[in-house]
Amino acid sequence: MERRGRQTWHFNNPVYVQGTGTAVGPEEAKGPLGGSFDKAYDHLYAGEENWELAERKLMKDAVEAALKKAEKKAGEIDFFLAGDLLNQIVTSNYHARELERPYFGLFAACATAMEGLALGSLLIDTGAAKLVLSAASSHNATAERQFRYPTEFGSQRPETSTYTVTGAGAIVIGTKPSAIQITEATVGKVIDFGLANPFDMGSAMAPAAADTILTHLEETKRTVDDYDLIVTGDLSRVGSGILRKLLQEKGIRLVNNYQDCGIMIYQQEQPVFAGGSGAGCPAVVTYGHLLQEMKRGKFRRLLVVATGALLSPLMIQQKETIPCIAHAISFERKE
């Protein structure tokens, strides 16, 4: 691994995508990317007794799909890296219990998917592992119950709110050459814009996304035009506009080659307020749609900037603000 600048890792020993898997809930299946996912459920319970078990089922489905596509058994995986939004990352912990593989539990809120991919790629590049499995998940009902109000409470929400994605994404990476290579990871810094509104996380996360994108471009000596597509994780319609303005102030314009996973995953007429959010949002869009499009040849170079609001309801009640983070992964298609 070659360190470029202070925050970007360039992987000298090639890291390749071996297989990906996704599982989603009913609203995600109705969206424009519905056909890209491996498994979809028509109910938030996914056939389970409660929402927490449903989320665990989503992660299990995603992991099984990724392993199947990689043509690997769970026992061949050197390390499992995973995270979710629940206290003590219980979805990941309990699935790790089933897998019985060496495990790193991660939490970077909605940026967890790319954090896991960055650390997994580092393990492979340094020779510490040959095969790594990484996963991230979220569930609308479990997240709302923990971070805001239970769904059955029926509280009114402002239009700046986002809708937590019900979904899980998993990826197997290794040294075997494939169509898609992971070339760099830029590790973000925690940025606090001084906001404390849990119903407007897009505004809170936009500065962290801008900082990571600026750092990545500076340290890799690239421009936005070097990427066929740059996507953020879940800034939604509110945060995406703020990101554009923040970068424009630095002389960088995001126009036709920029999208946000939280906007891409839903139809505008769906009841999702400003768009999608959650740890599952960038995971299912990247692993279920973007990498498929890349494999087909639509993109040659892709930058995924997963964004996370490190929100604590307890700290918000104590008049704290919301710190945020963004991690970026650069993918390249190999002919």
Protein backbone atom coordinates (compact mmCIF):
# COMPACT_ATOMS: atom_id res chain seq x y z
CA MET A 1 0.00 0.00 0.00
CA GLU A 2 1.20 3.47 -0.91
CA ARG A 3 0.02 6.38 1.19
CA ARG A 4 -0.87 9.42 -0.88
CA GLY A 5 -1.14 12.53 1.19
CA ARG A 6 -2.40 11.99 4.72
CA GLN A 7 -5.75 10.29 4.10
CA THR A 8 -5.62 8.29 0.87
CA TRP A 9 -4.41 4.72 0.44
CA HIS A 10 -3.40 3.52 -3.02
CA PHE A 11 -3.45 -0.26 -3.21
CA ASN A 12 -0.33 -1.44 -5.00
CA ASN A 13 -1.26 -5.11 -4.73
CA PRO A 14 -4.49 -5.39 -6.75
CA VAL A 15 -7.73 -5.86 -4.84
CA TYR A 16 -10.59 -7.25 -6.90
CA VAL A 17 -14.33 -7.59 -6.42
CA GLN A 18 -15.16 -11.30 -6.29
CA GLY A 19 -18.91 -11.13 -5.71
CA THR A 20 -21.67 -8.94 -4.31
CA GLY A 21 -25.08 -9.55 -2.76
CA THR A 22 -28.10 -7.44 -1.84
CA ALA A 23 -31.46 -7.85 -0.11
CA VAL A 24 -34.09 -5.13 0.27
CA GLY A 25 -37.55 -4.32 1.61
CA PRO A 26 -40.80 -3.40 -0.17
CA GLU A 27 -40.23 0.31 -0.90
CA GLU A 28 -36.76 -0.33 -2.29
CA ALA A 29 -38.13 -3.07 -4.54
CA LYS A 30 -40.68 -0.59 -5.96
CA GLY A 31 -37.97 1.95 -6.80
CA PRO A 32 -36.19 2.41 -10.14
CA LEU A 33 -33.37 0.06 -9.11
CA GLY A 34 -35.68 -2.74 -7.97
CA GLY A 35 -34.49 -5.13 -10.63
CA SER A 36 -30.87 -4.78 -9.51
CA PHE A 37 -31.27 -6.49 -6.13
CA ASP A 38 -30.76 -10.18 -5.45
CA LYS A 39 -33.69 -10.55 -3.05
CA ALA A 40 -36.67 -8.38 -2.17
CA TYR A 41 -39.36 -8.75 0.49
CA ASP A 42 -42.90 -7.43 0.23
CA HIS A 43 -43.17 -6.71 3.96
CA LEU A 44 -40.89 -5.04 6.53
CA TYR A 45 -41.04 -8.14 8.73
CA ALA A 46 -39.50 -10.30 5.95
CA GLY A 47 -41.29 -13.31 7.41
CA GLU A 48 -39.75 -12.84 10.87
CA GLU A 49 -41.31 -12.12 14.28
CA ASN A 50 -39.86 -8.63 14.68
CA TRP A 51 -38.00 -5.92 12.79
CA GLU A 52 -34.61 -6.66 14.30
CA LEU A 53 -34.79 -10.26 13.16
CA ALA A 54 -35.91 -9.02 9.75
CA GLU A 55 -32.78 -6.89 9.43
CA ARG A 56 -30.63 -9.83 10.42
CA LYS A 57 -32.32 -11.88 7.70
CA LEU A 58 -31.51 -9.19 5.13
CA MET A 59 -27.82 -9.32 6.02
CA LYS A 60 -27.81 -13.10 5.88
CA ASP A 61 -29.43 -13.05 2.42
CA ALA A 62 -26.92 -10.48 1.13
CA VAL A 63 -23.94 -12.41 2.48
CA GLU A 64 -25.16 -15.69 1.01
CA ALA A 65 -25.68 -14.07 -2.40
CA ALA A 66 -22.20 -12.52 -2.35
CA LEU A 67 -20.55 -15.81 -1.39
CA LYS A 68 -22.48 -17.68 -4.07
CA LYS A 69 -21.40 -15.26 -6.81
CA ALA A 70 -17.80 -15.41 -5.59
CA GLU A 71 -18.05 -19.21 -5.60
CA LYS A 72 -16.76 -19.32 -2.05
CA LYS A 73 -17.82 -20.97 1.19
CA ALA A 74 -18.01 -19.02 4.43
CA GLY A 75 -15.13 -21.07 5.81
CA GLU A 76 -12.82 -19.74 3.08
CA ILE A 77 -13.24 -16.13 4.25
CA ASP A 78 -10.30 -14.79 6.25
CA PHE A 79 -12.10 -11.85 7.86
CA PHE A 80 -15.68 -10.63 8.13
CA LEU A 81 -16.12 -6.85 8.50
CA ALA A 82 -19.63 -5.56 9.09
CA GLY A 83 -21.73 -2.87 10.70
CA ASP A 84 -25.28 -1.55 11.04
CA LEU A 85 -27.15 1.23 12.83
CA LEU A 86 -28.42 -0.58 15.90
CA ASN A 87 -26.93 -0.27 19.38
CA GLN A 88 -23.93 -2.57 19.78
CA ILE A 89 -24.24 -3.30 16.01
CA VAL A 90 -26.32 -6.34 16.94
CA THR A 91 -27.28 -7.26 13.37
CA SER A 92 -23.64 -7.69 12.43
CA ASN A 93 -22.62 -9.30 15.71
CA TYR A 94 -25.27 -11.99 15.56
CA HIS A 95 -24.60 -12.76 11.92
CA ALA A 96 -20.88 -13.00 12.73
CA ARG A 97 -21.87 -15.61 15.31
CA GLU A 98 -23.41 -17.68 12.49
CA LEU A 99 -20.47 -17.25 10.11
CA GLU A 100 -17.83 -18.22 12.69
CA ARG A 101 -15.13 -16.22 10.93
CA PRO A 102 -12.63 -13.70 12.41
CA TYR A 103 -14.69 -10.55 12.75
CA PHE A 104 -14.32 -6.77 12.93
CA GLY A 105 -17.48 -4.97 14.03
CA LEU A 106 -17.68 -1.47 12.52
CA PHE A 107 -19.74 1.66 13.03
CA ALA A 108 -19.57 4.72 10.82
CA ALA A 109 -23.34 5.15 10.56
CA CYS A 110 -24.34 5.33 6.88
CA ALA A 111 -20.66 5.40 5.81
CA THR A 112 -20.07 1.90 7.21
CA ALA A 113 -20.15 0.09 3.85
CA MET A 114 -17.19 2.01 2.43
CA GLU A 115 -15.35 1.95 5.76
CA GLY A 116 -15.53 -1.84 5.70
CA LEU A 117 -14.41 -1.94 2.08
CA ALA A 118 -11.46 0.36 2.81
CA LEU A 119 -10.25 -1.72 5.75
CA GLY A 120 -10.87 -4.99 3.91
CA SER A 121 -8.87 -3.78 0.92
CA LEU A 122 -6.04 -2.77 3.23
CA LEU A 123 -5.98 -6.27 4.74
CA ILE A 124 -5.70 -7.82 1.28
CA ASP A 125 -3.15 -5.32 -0.05
CA THR A 126 -0.83 -5.90 2.93
CA GLY A 127 -1.11 -9.68 2.70
CA ALA A 128 -2.96 -10.03 5.99
CA ALA A 129 -5.85 -11.68 4.13
CA LYS A 130 -6.64 -13.31 0.80
CA LEU A 131 -10.43 -13.12 1.02
CA VAL A 132 -12.50 -10.57 2.94
CA LEU A 133 -16.26 -10.35 3.31
CA SER A 134 -17.75 -6.95 4.17
CA ALA A 135 -21.41 -6.09 4.82
CA ALA A 136 -23.66 -3.27 6.03
CA SER A 137 -27.38 -3.05 6.73
CA SER A 138 -30.22 -0.85 7.94
CA HIS A 139 -33.98 -1.24 8.40
CA ASN A 140 -36.52 1.53 8.33
CA ALA A 141 -38.46 0.38 11.37
CA THR A 142 -35.49 -0.53 13.56
CA ALA A 143 -33.69 2.74 12.83
CA GLU A 144 -36.76 4.92 13.39
CA ARG A 145 -37.46 3.23 16.71
CA GLN A 146 -33.89 3.79 17.87
CA PHE A 147 -33.05 7.24 16.54
CA ARG A 148 -36.34 9.12 16.29
CA TYR A 149 -39.88 7.85 16.96
CA PRO A 150 -41.35 4.36 16.48
CA THR A 151 -43.30 4.04 13.24
CA GLU A 152 -46.56 3.37 15.07
CA PHE A 153 -46.24 6.70 16.91
CA GLY A 154 -47.24 8.41 13.67
CA SER A 155 -45.35 11.68 14.22
CA GLN A 156 -45.32 14.40 11.58
CA ARG A 157 -42.01 14.80 9.76
CA PRO A 158 -40.61 17.74 7.79
CA GLU A 159 -39.75 17.50 4.11
CA THR A 160 -36.03 17.62 4.97
CA SER A 161 -36.35 14.16 6.56
CA THR A 162 -34.93 11.11 4.89
CA TYR A 163 -36.33 7.58 4.77
CA THR A 164 -34.08 4.87 6.16
CA VAL A 165 -33.46 2.20 3.54
CA THR A 166 -34.49 -1.33 4.44
CA GLY A 167 -31.68 -3.33 2.93
CA ALA A 168 -28.32 -5.03 3.29
CA GLY A 169 -25.36 -5.21 0.95
CA ALA A 170 -22.36 -7.54 1.06
CA ILE A 171 -19.19 -7.84 -0.97
CA VAL A 172 -16.39 -10.40 -1.22
CA ILE A 173 -13.00 -9.00 -2.24
CA GLY A 174 -9.75 -10.81 -2.92
CA THR A 175 -6.68 -11.19 -5.11
CA LYS A 176 -8.22 -13.17 -7.99
CA PRO A 177 -8.43 -10.87 -11.06
CA SER A 178 -11.93 -9.79 -12.03
CA ALA A 179 -13.62 -7.04 -14.04
CA ILE A 180 -13.60 -4.53 -11.17
CA GLN A 181 -10.60 -3.41 -9.11
CA ILE A 182 -10.54 -1.28 -5.97
CA THR A 183 -7.72 1.21 -6.47
CA GLU A 184 -7.88 3.76 -3.63
CA ALA A 185 -9.59 4.55 -0.37
CA THR A 186 -9.78 8.01 1.15
CA VAL A 187 -10.48 7.93 4.88
CA GLY A 188 -12.59 10.87 5.98
CA LYS A 189 -12.30 13.11 9.01
CA VAL A 190 -15.17 13.79 11.41
CA ILE A 191 -16.72 17.13 10.43
CA ASP A 192 -19.31 18.92 12.58
CA PHE A 193 -21.29 21.67 10.84
CA GLY A 194 -22.97 22.63 14.12
CA LEU A 195 -26.40 21.19 13.25
CA ALA A 196 -28.54 19.27 15.71
CA ASN A 197 -31.70 18.43 13.77
CA PRO A 198 -32.15 14.65 13.42
CA PHE A 199 -34.75 15.33 10.72
CA ASP A 200 -32.23 17.02 8.41
CA MET A 201 -29.15 14.84 8.21
CA GLY A 202 -28.48 15.69 4.58
CA SER A 203 -27.47 19.21 5.57
CA ALA A 204 -25.32 17.90 8.41
CA MET A 205 -23.44 15.39 6.24
CA ALA A 206 -22.78 17.56 3.18
CA PRO A 207 -19.65 19.28 4.62
CA ALA A 208 -18.08 15.90 5.44
CA ALA A 209 -18.74 14.70 1.90
CA ALA A 210 -17.23 17.88 0.45
CA ASP A 211 -14.13 17.56 2.62
CA THR A 212 -13.53 13.94 1.63
CA ILE A 213 -14.06 14.61 -2.09
CA LEU A 214 -11.69 17.58 -2.00
CA THR A 215 -9.09 15.54 -0.14
CA HIS A 216 -9.40 12.61 -2.53
CA LEU A 217 -9.00 14.79 -5.61
CA GLU A 218 -6.03 16.65 -4.13
CA GLU A 219 -4.19 13.55 -2.93
CA THR A 220 -4.78 11.49 -6.09
CA LYS A 221 -4.04 14.48 -8.38
CA ARG A 222 -7.36 13.95 -10.18
CA THR A 223 -10.31 16.07 -11.16
CA VAL A 224 -14.02 15.25 -11.09
CA ASP A 225 -13.82 14.72 -14.86
CA ASP A 226 -11.52 11.74 -14.30
CA TYR A 227 -14.55 9.85 -12.97
CA ASP A 228 -17.44 8.64 -15.07
CA LEU A 229 -19.58 8.90 -11.96
CA ILE A 230 -19.22 10.24 -8.43
CA VAL A 231 -21.93 9.16 -5.99
CA THR A 232 -22.58 10.16 -2.40
CA GLY A 233 -24.20 7.79 0.04
CA ASP A 234 -27.34 9.45 1.34
CA LEU A 235 -27.26 13.23 1.22
CA SER A 236 -30.72 13.18 -0.37
CA ARG A 237 -32.17 16.09 -2.33
CA VAL A 238 -31.35 18.56 0.47
CA GLY A 239 -27.74 17.60 1.14
CA SER A 240 -26.84 17.07 -2.52
CA GLY A 241 -27.61 20.68 -3.33
CA ILE A 242 -25.53 21.87 -0.40
CA LEU A 243 -22.63 19.67 -1.50
CA ARG A 244 -22.68 21.17 -4.97
CA LYS A 245 -22.57 24.68 -3.52
CA LEU A 246 -19.73 23.84 -1.11
CA LEU A 247 -17.61 22.37 -3.91
CA GLN A 248 -18.45 25.20 -6.30
CA GLU A 249 -17.03 27.61 -3.72
CA LYS A 250 -13.76 25.69 -4.12
CA GLY A 251 -13.90 25.89 -7.91
CA ILE A 252 -15.25 22.37 -8.46
CA ARG A 253 -18.50 21.78 -10.33
CA LEU A 254 -20.50 18.57 -10.01
CA VAL A 255 -22.87 18.39 -12.96
CA ASN A 256 -23.71 15.38 -15.13
CA ASN A 257 -21.38 12.86 -13.49
CA TYR A 258 -22.75 13.21 -9.95
CA GLN A 259 -25.61 11.34 -8.25
CA ASP A 260 -26.69 10.42 -4.72
CA CYS A 261 -27.66 6.89 -3.69
CA GLY A 262 -30.51 8.22 -1.55
CA ILE A 263 -32.09 9.84 -4.59
CA MET A 264 -31.36 7.00 -7.01
CA ILE A 265 -33.03 4.26 -4.95
CA TYR A 266 -36.58 5.68 -4.88
CA GLN A 267 -39.07 7.14 -7.30
CA GLN A 268 -39.76 10.79 -6.53
CA GLU A 269 -43.44 10.05 -5.90
CA GLN A 270 -42.68 7.41 -3.25
CA PRO A 271 -43.36 8.48 0.40
CA VAL A 272 -39.68 9.00 1.26
CA PHE A 273 -39.53 12.76 1.92
CA ALA A 274 -36.12 14.06 0.71
CA GLY A 275 -34.83 10.60 -0.25
CA GLY A 276 -33.18 7.53 1.21
CA SER A 277 -30.63 7.18 4.00
CA GLY A 278 -29.17 4.48 6.23
CA ALA A 279 -26.18 2.16 6.20
CA GLY A 280 -27.97 -0.05 3.72
CA CYS A 281 -28.46 2.79 1.24
CA PRO A 282 -24.97 3.09 -0.33
CA ALA A 283 -24.44 -0.65 0.25
CA VAL A 284 -27.37 -1.85 -1.86
CA VAL A 285 -27.05 0.85 -4.54
CA THR A 286 -23.31 0.26 -4.99
CA TYR A 287 -23.30 -3.53 -4.71
CA GLY A 288 -26.66 -4.07 -6.39
CA HIS A 289 -26.67 -1.49 -9.19
CA LEU A 290 -23.50 0.53 -9.72
CA LEU A 291 -21.04 -2.37 -9.84
CA GLN A 292 -23.38 -4.26 -12.16
CA GLU A 293 -23.43 -1.27 -14.50
CA MET A 294 -19.66 -1.03 -14.22
CA LYS A 295 -19.27 -4.69 -15.07
CA ARG A 296 -21.41 -4.15 -18.17
CA GLY A 297 -19.02 -1.39 -19.26
CA LYS A 298 -21.13 1.69 -18.53
CA PHE A 299 -18.48 3.13 -16.18
CA ARG A 300 -14.72 2.85 -16.32
CA ARG A 301 -13.95 4.75 -13.13
CA LEU A 302 -16.36 5.21 -10.20
CA LEU A 303 -15.98 7.08 -6.90
CA VAL A 304 -18.37 6.14 -4.08
CA VAL A 305 -18.40 8.57 -1.15
CA ALA A 306 -20.48 7.04 1.63
CA THR A 307 -21.73 9.61 4.14
CA GLY A 308 -22.60 9.05 7.79
CA ALA A 309 -24.26 11.14 10.51
CA LEU A 310 -22.83 9.92 13.81
CA LEU A 311 -26.10 10.69 15.55
CA SER A 312 -26.78 9.88 19.20
CA PRO A 313 -30.31 10.59 20.52
CA LEU A 314 -28.88 10.84 24.04
CA MET A 315 -26.33 13.47 23.04
CA ILE A 316 -28.91 15.45 21.05
CA GLN A 317 -31.01 15.63 24.22
CA GLN A 318 -27.94 17.07 25.95
CA LYS A 319 -27.76 19.88 23.36
CA GLU A 320 -24.90 18.34 21.35
CA THR A 321 -24.59 18.69 17.58
CA ILE A 322 -24.26 15.93 14.96
CA PRO A 323 -20.70 15.00 13.89
CA CYS A 324 -20.47 13.42 10.44
CA ILE A 325 -18.01 11.47 8.34
CA ALA A 326 -17.53 10.36 4.73
CA HIS A 327 -15.30 7.60 3.35
CA ALA A 328 -14.50 7.27 -0.37
CA ILE A 329 -13.63 4.23 -2.48
CA SER A 330 -12.36 4.40 -6.06
CA PHE A 331 -13.32 1.54 -8.40
CA GLU A 332 -11.87 0.86 -11.86
CA ARG A 333 -13.08 -1.45 -14.57
CA LYS A 334 -10.41 -3.72 -16.03
CA GLU A 335 -10.68 -4.88 -19.65
